[in-house]
């Protein structure tokens, strides 16, 4: 699945919408998308995904 996504294209756009002035630095786009995919595939909530 990782080879199907053009990570560099999305990373720049994702980084542009995050700001350290608003809160903690954002995780990488790859980590954020990976977490959403895991959450969806397993049908679990936010807390379970973080664990």
N, C-alpha and C. Protein backbone atom coordinates (compact mmCIF):
# COMPACT_ATOMS: atom_id res chain seq x y z
N UNK A 1 0.83 -1.19 0.00
CA UNK A 1 0.00 0.00 0.00
C UNK A 1 0.88 1.26 0.00
N UNK A 2 2.01 1.20 0.66
CA UNK A 2 2.89 2.38 0.77
C UNK A 2 3.42 2.83 -0.59
N UNK A 3 3.62 1.90 -1.51
CA UNK A 3 4.14 2.26 -2.83
C UNK A 3 3.08 2.95 -3.70
N UNK A 4 1.83 2.84 -3.33
CA UNK A 4 0.75 3.43 -4.12
C UNK A 4 0.57 4.92 -3.85
N UNK A 5 1.16 5.42 -2.78
CA UNK A 5 0.95 6.82 -2.37
C UNK A 5 2.21 7.63 -2.67
N UNK A 6 2.02 8.79 -3.28
CA UNK A 6 3.12 9.71 -3.58
C UNK A 6 3.33 10.60 -2.35
N UNK A 7 4.09 10.11 -1.40
CA UNK A 7 4.26 10.76 -0.10
C UNK A 7 4.76 12.19 -0.21
N UNK A 8 5.76 12.42 -1.05
CA UNK A 8 6.37 13.75 -1.12
C UNK A 8 5.37 14.81 -1.59
N UNK A 9 4.45 14.43 -2.46
CA UNK A 9 3.45 15.40 -2.94
C UNK A 9 2.56 15.88 -1.79
N UNK A 10 2.15 14.97 -0.96
CA UNK A 10 1.22 15.30 0.11
C UNK A 10 1.92 15.90 1.33
N UNK A 11 3.16 15.51 1.57
CA UNK A 11 3.87 15.98 2.76
C UNK A 11 4.00 17.50 2.78
N UNK A 12 4.31 18.10 1.63
CA UNK A 12 4.44 19.55 1.55
C UNK A 12 3.14 20.27 1.86
N UNK A 13 2.05 19.78 1.30
CA UNK A 13 0.74 20.39 1.56
C UNK A 13 0.33 20.22 3.01
N UNK A 14 0.58 19.03 3.55
CA UNK A 14 0.23 18.75 4.94
C UNK A 14 1.04 19.64 5.89
N UNK A 15 2.34 19.79 5.63
CA UNK A 15 3.19 20.62 6.48
C UNK A 15 2.76 22.09 6.43
N UNK A 16 2.26 22.52 5.28
CA UNK A 16 1.87 23.92 5.13
C UNK A 16 0.67 24.30 6.00
N UNK A 17 -0.17 23.33 6.35
CA UNK A 17 -1.35 23.65 7.15
C UNK A 17 -1.12 23.50 8.65
N UNK A 18 0.05 23.02 9.03
CA UNK A 18 0.33 22.88 10.46
C UNK A 18 1.21 24.04 10.92
N UNK A 19 1.05 24.41 12.17
CA UNK A 19 1.82 25.51 12.73
C UNK A 19 2.18 25.20 14.17
N UNK A 20 3.46 25.34 14.50
CA UNK A 20 3.90 25.12 15.88
C UNK A 20 3.37 26.19 16.81
N UNK A 21 2.91 27.33 16.26
CA UNK A 21 2.36 28.40 17.09
C UNK A 21 0.99 28.02 17.64
N UNK A 22 0.31 27.10 16.95
CA UNK A 22 -1.03 26.69 17.38
C UNK A 22 -0.94 25.60 18.44
N UNK A 23 0.05 24.76 18.36
CA UNK A 23 0.17 23.64 19.30
C UNK A 23 1.44 22.85 19.04
N UNK A 24 1.42 21.61 19.44
CA UNK A 24 2.58 20.75 19.25
C UNK A 24 2.84 20.55 17.75
N UNK A 25 4.10 20.33 17.39
CA UNK A 25 4.41 20.07 15.97
C UNK A 25 3.63 18.85 15.47
N UNK A 26 3.19 18.92 14.23
CA UNK A 26 2.42 17.83 13.64
C UNK A 26 3.31 16.63 13.37
N UNK A 27 2.70 15.47 13.41
CA UNK A 27 3.39 14.26 12.97
C UNK A 27 3.50 14.31 11.46
N UNK A 28 4.28 13.42 10.88
CA UNK A 28 4.42 13.42 9.43
C UNK A 28 3.11 13.00 8.78
N UNK A 29 2.94 13.38 7.53
CA UNK A 29 1.74 13.00 6.79
C UNK A 29 1.62 11.49 6.73
N UNK A 30 2.73 10.82 6.53
CA UNK A 30 2.71 9.36 6.43
C UNK A 30 2.19 8.72 7.72
N UNK A 31 2.62 9.24 8.85
CA UNK A 31 2.15 8.70 10.13
C UNK A 31 0.66 9.00 10.34
N UNK A 32 0.24 10.21 10.01
CA UNK A 32 -1.16 10.59 10.19
C UNK A 32 -2.07 9.75 9.30
N UNK A 33 -1.71 9.60 8.04
CA UNK A 33 -2.53 8.81 7.13
C UNK A 33 -2.51 7.34 7.53
N UNK A 34 -1.35 6.84 7.93
CA UNK A 34 -1.25 5.46 8.39
C UNK A 34 -2.16 5.19 9.57
N UNK A 35 -2.21 6.12 10.50
CA UNK A 35 -3.09 5.96 11.67
C UNK A 35 -4.56 5.93 11.26
N UNK A 36 -4.93 6.79 10.31
CA UNK A 36 -6.32 6.79 9.84
C UNK A 36 -6.68 5.49 9.13
N UNK A 37 -5.74 4.97 8.35
CA UNK A 37 -5.98 3.70 7.66
C UNK A 37 -6.14 2.56 8.67
N UNK A 38 -5.26 2.50 9.66
CA UNK A 38 -5.35 1.47 10.70
C UNK A 38 -6.68 1.58 11.43
N UNK A 39 -7.04 2.80 11.81
CA UNK A 39 -8.30 3.03 12.53
C UNK A 39 -9.49 2.53 11.72
N UNK A 40 -9.50 2.85 10.44
CA UNK A 40 -10.59 2.45 9.57
C UNK A 40 -10.62 0.93 9.36
N UNK A 41 -9.48 0.34 9.07
CA UNK A 41 -9.41 -1.11 8.80
C UNK A 41 -9.82 -1.93 10.02
N UNK A 42 -9.43 -1.48 11.21
CA UNK A 42 -9.74 -2.23 12.42
C UNK A 42 -11.08 -1.84 13.03
N UNK A 43 -11.66 -0.73 12.57
CA UNK A 43 -12.93 -0.27 13.11
C UNK A 43 -12.84 0.12 14.57
N UNK A 44 -11.76 0.81 14.92
CA UNK A 44 -11.53 1.20 16.31
C UNK A 44 -11.58 2.72 16.46
N UNK A 45 -11.62 3.18 17.70
CA UNK A 45 -11.67 4.61 17.97
C UNK A 45 -10.29 5.23 18.09
N UNK A 46 -10.29 6.52 18.38
CA UNK A 46 -9.04 7.26 18.50
C UNK A 46 -8.14 6.72 19.59
N UNK A 47 -8.71 6.46 20.75
CA UNK A 47 -7.90 5.97 21.88
C UNK A 47 -7.24 4.64 21.56
N UNK A 48 -7.99 3.73 20.98
CA UNK A 48 -7.43 2.43 20.63
C UNK A 48 -6.34 2.57 19.56
N UNK A 49 -6.52 3.48 18.63
CA UNK A 49 -5.52 3.69 17.59
C UNK A 49 -4.21 4.19 18.20
N UNK A 50 -4.29 5.10 19.14
CA UNK A 50 -3.09 5.63 19.79
C UNK A 50 -2.37 4.55 20.59
N UNK A 51 -3.16 3.72 21.26
CA UNK A 51 -2.56 2.63 22.04
C UNK A 51 -1.84 1.67 21.13
